[in-house]
Amino acid sequence: MQPSAPSSAPSFDERLTAPASWWVIVVLLGLSGGLVMFPLGTVPTLGGVIVAAALAAVAVSSYGSARIRVVAGSLVAGDARIPVSALGAPEALDAEEARAWRSHKADPRAFMLMRSYVPTAVRVEVTDQADPTPYVYLSSRDPEALVAALEAARSEARAA
């Protein structure tokens, strides 16, 4: 009997999208662009609204496109892909503890994928001796589900 390969379907998948209030700001920036162009006439005003709103929307969308997944025996956070075998036990952080790890407890060598509008997070020690990164800090709206997915992936990797 062959050992089963890690599943390619993600056991956890979260996109850290920007909050709705940021999209209101996009609309307001579009209107501001229109006001700047208003003295030049109707067509430049419409152009100002469209261009300013489009630029703001691209900025908000790209910032909110950060993604965290646990897939195929790896933690994929943004551009980083870390095998779960190189990670220690994950820890779900409530809002207060997450704030502490973002500020006075933070290590500058840590890998951090954080978003200020997501109050909770997960911290995972990096156990690979060759990696100077002490831990991974990930903002997450559902830290308990991320912890459960990481623990399931770790036990699946140990069993294989």
Protein backbone atom coordinates (compact mmCIF):
# COMPACT_ATOMS: atom_id res chain seq x y z
CA MET A 1 0.00 0.00 0.00
CA GLN A 2 1.38 3.39 -1.00
CA PRO A 3 1.29 6.34 1.38
CA SER A 4 -1.33 8.84 0.35
CA ALA A 5 -0.08 12.10 -1.11
CA PRO A 6 -1.27 15.32 0.51
CA SER A 7 -4.53 16.53 -0.95
CA SER A 8 -4.32 19.30 -3.53
CA ALA A 9 -7.66 20.73 -2.37
CA PRO A 10 -7.12 23.48 0.20
CA SER A 11 -8.21 22.59 3.72
CA PHE A 12 -8.21 26.31 4.55
CA ASP A 13 -8.55 29.23 2.15
CA GLU A 14 -8.99 32.85 3.23
CA ARG A 15 -8.66 36.09 1.32
CA LEU A 16 -8.01 39.12 3.49
CA THR A 17 -10.28 41.45 1.53
CA ALA A 18 -10.51 45.12 2.39
CA PRO A 19 -13.50 46.17 4.51
CA ALA A 20 -16.56 47.88 3.00
CA SER A 21 -15.60 51.23 4.49
CA TRP A 22 -12.51 51.29 2.26
CA TRP A 23 -14.75 51.01 -0.80
CA VAL A 24 -16.67 54.06 0.42
CA ILE A 25 -13.34 55.88 0.44
CA VAL A 26 -12.78 54.74 -3.17
CA VAL A 27 -16.08 56.39 -4.15
CA LEU A 28 -15.13 59.56 -2.28
CA LEU A 29 -11.73 59.65 -4.00
CA GLY A 30 -13.51 59.29 -7.34
CA LEU A 31 -15.73 62.24 -6.49
CA SER A 32 -12.66 64.22 -5.43
CA GLY A 33 -11.06 63.53 -8.81
CA GLY A 34 -14.21 64.85 -10.45
CA LEU A 35 -14.17 67.99 -8.32
CA VAL A 36 -10.56 68.68 -9.29
CA MET A 37 -11.50 68.50 -12.98
CA PHE A 38 -14.86 70.32 -12.60
CA PRO A 39 -13.60 73.76 -13.75
CA LEU A 40 -12.56 72.20 -17.08
CA GLY A 41 -16.05 71.00 -18.05
CA THR A 42 -18.31 67.97 -18.04
CA VAL A 43 -16.14 65.52 -19.98
CA PRO A 44 -12.97 66.20 -17.93
CA THR A 45 -15.08 65.94 -14.74
CA LEU A 46 -16.35 62.50 -15.73
CA GLY A 47 -12.82 61.51 -16.73
CA GLY A 48 -11.54 62.67 -13.33
CA VAL A 49 -14.19 60.62 -11.52
CA ILE A 50 -13.44 57.50 -13.54
CA VAL A 51 -9.64 57.74 -13.38
CA ALA A 52 -9.46 58.61 -9.66
CA ALA A 53 -11.97 55.90 -8.71
CA ALA A 54 -10.24 53.31 -10.89
CA LEU A 55 -6.80 54.05 -9.40
CA ALA A 56 -8.16 53.93 -5.85
CA ALA A 57 -10.05 50.70 -6.60
CA VAL A 58 -6.91 49.05 -7.97
CA ALA A 59 -4.96 50.06 -4.85
CA VAL A 60 -7.63 48.79 -2.44
CA SER A 61 -8.17 45.59 -4.41
CA SER A 62 -4.47 44.74 -4.61
CA TYR A 63 -3.95 45.39 -0.90
CA GLY A 64 -6.97 43.23 -0.09
CA SER A 65 -5.86 40.37 -2.32
CA ALA A 66 -3.64 38.73 0.30
CA ARG A 67 -4.52 35.07 0.59
CA ILE A 68 -3.79 32.40 3.20
CA ARG A 69 -4.17 28.71 2.31
CA VAL A 70 -3.27 25.33 3.74
CA VAL A 71 -2.87 23.08 0.72
CA ALA A 72 -0.82 20.01 -0.26
CA GLY A 73 1.10 19.87 3.01
CA SER A 74 2.09 23.53 2.87
CA LEU A 75 1.08 26.84 4.36
CA VAL A 76 0.77 29.39 1.56
CA ALA A 77 0.61 32.97 2.83
CA GLY A 78 0.96 35.68 0.24
CA ASP A 79 4.12 34.82 -1.74
CA ALA A 80 5.51 32.49 0.95
CA ARG A 81 5.10 28.72 0.76
CA ILE A 82 6.20 26.85 3.88
CA PRO A 83 5.93 23.07 4.29
CA VAL A 84 4.00 22.20 7.45
CA SER A 85 6.88 19.91 8.44
CA ALA A 86 8.95 23.07 9.04
CA LEU A 87 6.34 24.55 11.37
CA GLY A 88 5.64 24.08 15.06
CA ALA A 89 2.31 24.19 16.83
CA PRO A 90 0.04 27.03 15.67
CA GLU A 91 -1.47 29.43 18.19
CA ALA A 92 -4.71 31.39 17.66
CA LEU A 93 -4.40 34.96 18.92
CA ASP A 94 -7.32 37.05 20.13
CA ALA A 95 -7.40 40.77 19.31
CA GLU A 96 -5.37 41.84 22.36
CA GLU A 97 -2.68 39.18 21.96
CA ALA A 98 -2.49 39.78 18.20
CA ARG A 99 -1.92 43.49 18.82
CA ALA A 100 0.90 42.62 21.24
CA TRP A 101 2.59 40.37 18.64
CA ARG A 102 2.26 43.14 16.02
CA SER A 103 3.90 45.68 18.32
CA HIS A 104 6.09 45.19 21.40
CA LYS A 105 6.46 41.37 21.14
CA ALA A 106 7.26 41.45 17.41
CA ASP A 107 10.54 40.06 16.12
CA PRO A 108 11.86 41.89 13.02
CA ARG A 109 12.98 38.53 11.54
CA ALA A 110 9.44 37.12 11.59
CA PHE A 111 7.36 36.65 8.46
CA MET A 112 4.24 38.74 8.90
CA LEU A 113 1.21 38.88 6.67
CA MET A 114 -0.91 41.32 8.58
CA ARG A 115 -3.80 43.57 7.81
CA SER A 116 -4.74 46.32 10.27
CA TYR A 117 -8.44 45.79 9.68
CA VAL A 118 -8.31 42.12 10.80
CA PRO A 119 -8.02 42.10 14.61
CA THR A 120 -7.27 38.38 15.19
CA ALA A 121 -4.31 36.32 14.00
CA VAL A 122 -2.37 33.06 14.11
CA ARG A 123 1.25 32.70 15.15
CA VAL A 124 3.24 29.60 14.17
CA GLU A 125 6.80 28.85 15.25
CA VAL A 126 9.22 27.95 12.45
CA THR A 127 11.09 24.82 13.56
CA ASP A 128 13.44 24.51 10.56
CA GLN A 129 16.96 25.09 11.96
CA ALA A 130 18.21 26.38 8.59
CA ASP A 131 15.56 29.12 8.50
CA PRO A 132 16.35 32.30 10.49
CA THR A 133 12.65 33.20 10.65
CA PRO A 134 11.49 32.62 14.25
CA TYR A 135 7.77 32.52 13.53
CA VAL A 136 5.02 33.29 11.04
CA TYR A 137 2.33 35.82 11.99
CA LEU A 138 -0.84 35.75 9.88
CA SER A 139 -3.88 37.99 10.25
CA SER A 140 -7.00 35.84 10.01
CA ARG A 141 -10.71 36.42 10.48
CA ASP A 142 -11.07 32.76 11.51
CA PRO A 143 -7.91 31.85 13.43
CA GLU A 144 -9.40 28.70 14.98
CA ALA A 145 -10.13 27.23 11.53
CA LEU A 146 -6.60 28.07 10.35
CA VAL A 147 -5.12 26.43 13.46
CA ALA A 148 -7.26 23.33 12.91
CA ALA A 149 -6.23 23.11 9.24
CA LEU A 150 -2.54 23.47 10.13
CA GLU A 151 -2.76 20.82 12.85
CA ALA A 152 -4.56 18.44 10.49
CA ALA A 153 -1.92 19.03 7.79
CA ARG A 154 0.90 18.48 10.33
CA SER A 155 -0.59 15.18 11.54
CA GLU A 156 -1.20 14.09 7.93
CA ALA A 157 2.45 14.91 7.07
CA ARG A 158 3.72 12.96 10.10
CA ALA A 159 1.59 9.95 9.16
CA ALA A 160 2.89 9.89 5.56
